[in-house]
């Protein structure tokens, strides 16, 4: 897949929580993702970066059997250090 402009494709990270007793709580998605592909105009992110994206932005899709989100760099996500 070739991405154009300042867009990127990131794999959605699902973080299951466990209680002290070992019970798994329902998934509480924290809107985290790992960058898989970046467009040529992406300035601040690179493949492998962990990002946080905002609720209700981007387009979700399946890519290589993974749940992913298609985002615009400047307005829809931020780098997690």
C-alpha atoms as a PDB file:
ATOM      1  CA  UNK A   1       0.000   0.000   0.000  1.00  0.00           C
ATOM      2  CA  UNK A   2       1.311   3.459  -0.878  1.00  0.00           C
ATOM      3  CA  UNK A   3       0.067   6.356   1.234  1.00  0.00           C
ATOM      4  CA  UNK A   4       0.061   9.902  -0.118  1.00  0.00           C
ATOM      5  CA  UNK A   5       0.504  13.281   1.554  1.00  0.00           C
ATOM      6  CA  UNK A   6       0.643  13.681   5.328  1.00  0.00           C
ATOM      7  CA  UNK A   7      -1.361  10.540   6.072  1.00  0.00           C
ATOM      8  CA  UNK A   8      -0.288   7.451   7.983  1.00  0.00           C
ATOM      9  CA  UNK A   9      -1.530   3.951   8.713  1.00  0.00           C
ATOM     10  CA  UNK A  10      -1.213   2.646  12.278  1.00  0.00           C
ATOM     11  CA  UNK A  11      -2.061  -0.649  13.969  1.00  0.00           C
ATOM     12  CA  UNK A  12      -4.569  -0.189  16.805  1.00  0.00           C
ATOM     13  CA  UNK A  13      -3.234  -1.414  20.166  1.00  0.00           C
ATOM     14  CA  UNK A  14      -5.847  -3.035  22.417  1.00  0.00           C
ATOM     15  CA  UNK A  15      -4.826  -2.948  26.074  1.00  0.00           C
ATOM     16  CA  UNK A  16      -6.688  -5.491  28.224  1.00  0.00           C
ATOM     17  CA  UNK A  17      -6.655  -4.700  31.933  1.00  0.00           C
ATOM     18  CA  UNK A  18      -6.370  -7.306  34.708  1.00  0.00           C
ATOM     19  CA  UNK A  19      -7.462  -6.980  38.307  1.00  0.00           C
ATOM     20  CA  UNK A  20      -5.185  -7.961  41.217  1.00  0.00           C
ATOM     21  CA  UNK A  21      -7.065 -11.281  41.325  1.00  0.00           C
ATOM     22  CA  UNK A  22      -6.302 -11.969  37.647  1.00  0.00           C
ATOM     23  CA  UNK A  23      -9.726 -11.211  36.145  1.00  0.00           C
ATOM     24  CA  UNK A  24      -9.595  -9.646  32.694  1.00  0.00           C
ATOM     25  CA  UNK A  25     -11.721  -6.507  32.473  1.00  0.00           C
ATOM     26  CA  UNK A  26     -13.569  -5.620  29.274  1.00  0.00           C
ATOM     27  CA  UNK A  27     -11.309  -3.927  26.769  1.00  0.00           C
ATOM     28  CA  UNK A  28     -10.869  -0.261  27.500  1.00  0.00           C
ATOM     29  CA  UNK A  29      -9.269   1.096  24.380  1.00  0.00           C
ATOM     30  CA  UNK A  30      -6.939   3.985  25.194  1.00  0.00           C
ATOM     31  CA  UNK A  31      -6.704   5.057  21.549  1.00  0.00           C
ATOM     32  CA  UNK A  32      -3.081   3.979  21.137  1.00  0.00           C
ATOM     33  CA  UNK A  33      -1.542   2.715  17.912  1.00  0.00           C
ATOM     34  CA  UNK A  34       1.801   1.801  16.338  1.00  0.00           C
ATOM     35  CA  UNK A  35       2.749   3.437  13.013  1.00  0.00           C
ATOM     36  CA  UNK A  36       3.032   0.941  10.129  1.00  0.00           C
ATOM     37  CA  UNK A  37       3.264   3.136   7.009  1.00  0.00           C
ATOM     38  CA  UNK A  38       3.832   6.886   6.537  1.00  0.00           C
ATOM     39  CA  UNK A  39       3.201   9.167   3.574  1.00  0.00           C
ATOM     40  CA  UNK A  40       5.978  11.262   1.983  1.00  0.00           C
ATOM     41  CA  UNK A  41       4.856  14.522   3.644  1.00  0.00           C
ATOM     42  CA  UNK A  42       4.780  13.149   7.223  1.00  0.00           C
ATOM     43  CA  UNK A  43       7.341  15.238   9.127  1.00  0.00           C
ATOM     44  CA  UNK A  44       7.378  14.186  12.776  1.00  0.00           C
ATOM     45  CA  UNK A  45       6.484  10.487  12.825  1.00  0.00           C
ATOM     46  CA  UNK A  46       8.206   7.410  11.455  1.00  0.00           C
ATOM     47  CA  UNK A  47       7.450   3.705  11.175  1.00  0.00           C
ATOM     48  CA  UNK A  48       7.504   2.035  14.592  1.00  0.00           C
ATOM     49  CA  UNK A  49       6.502   5.136  16.610  1.00  0.00           C
ATOM     50  CA  UNK A  50       3.779   4.730  19.212  1.00  0.00           C
ATOM     51  CA  UNK A  51       1.039   7.329  18.898  1.00  0.00           C
ATOM     52  CA  UNK A  52      -2.156   8.363  20.615  1.00  0.00           C
ATOM     53  CA  UNK A  53      -5.062   9.404  18.408  1.00  0.00           C
ATOM     54  CA  UNK A  54      -8.213  11.336  19.197  1.00  0.00           C
ATOM     55  CA  UNK A  55     -11.707   9.864  19.580  1.00  0.00           C
ATOM     56  CA  UNK A  56     -13.807   9.949  16.413  1.00  0.00           C
ATOM     57  CA  UNK A  57     -11.035  10.720  13.921  1.00  0.00           C
ATOM     58  CA  UNK A  58      -9.565   8.708  11.101  1.00  0.00           C
ATOM     59  CA  UNK A  59     -10.903   5.715   9.236  1.00  0.00           C
ATOM     60  CA  UNK A  60     -10.591   2.189  10.580  1.00  0.00           C
ATOM     61  CA  UNK A  61      -9.707  -0.664   8.259  1.00  0.00           C
ATOM     62  CA  UNK A  62      -8.097  -4.092   8.226  1.00  0.00           C
ATOM     63  CA  UNK A  63      -4.600  -4.336   6.745  1.00  0.00           C
ATOM     64  CA  UNK A  64      -2.600  -7.598   6.682  1.00  0.00           C
ATOM     65  CA  UNK A  65      -5.073  -9.120   9.147  1.00  0.00           C
ATOM     66  CA  UNK A  66      -4.546  -6.303  11.691  1.00  0.00           C
ATOM     67  CA  UNK A  67      -7.064  -3.705  12.878  1.00  0.00           C
ATOM     68  CA  UNK A  68      -5.665  -0.381  11.721  1.00  0.00           C
ATOM     69  CA  UNK A  69      -6.557   3.284  11.552  1.00  0.00           C
ATOM     70  CA  UNK A  70      -5.804   5.720   8.738  1.00  0.00           C
ATOM     71  CA  UNK A  71      -4.921   9.178  10.126  1.00  0.00           C
ATOM     72  CA  UNK A  72      -3.708  12.615   9.125  1.00  0.00           C
ATOM     73  CA  UNK A  73      -0.502  13.533  10.987  1.00  0.00           C
ATOM     74  CA  UNK A  74      -1.074  17.205  11.772  1.00  0.00           C
ATOM     75  CA  UNK A  75      -4.539  17.160  13.304  1.00  0.00           C
ATOM     76  CA  UNK A  76      -5.440  13.645  14.411  1.00  0.00           C
ATOM     77  CA  UNK A  77      -2.585  12.142  16.447  1.00  0.00           C
ATOM     78  CA  UNK A  78       0.337  12.792  18.798  1.00  0.00           C
ATOM     79  CA  UNK A  79       3.617  11.012  19.497  1.00  0.00           C
ATOM     80  CA  UNK A  80       3.928   8.998  22.728  1.00  0.00           C
ATOM     81  CA  UNK A  81       7.455   9.100  24.166  1.00  0.00           C
END
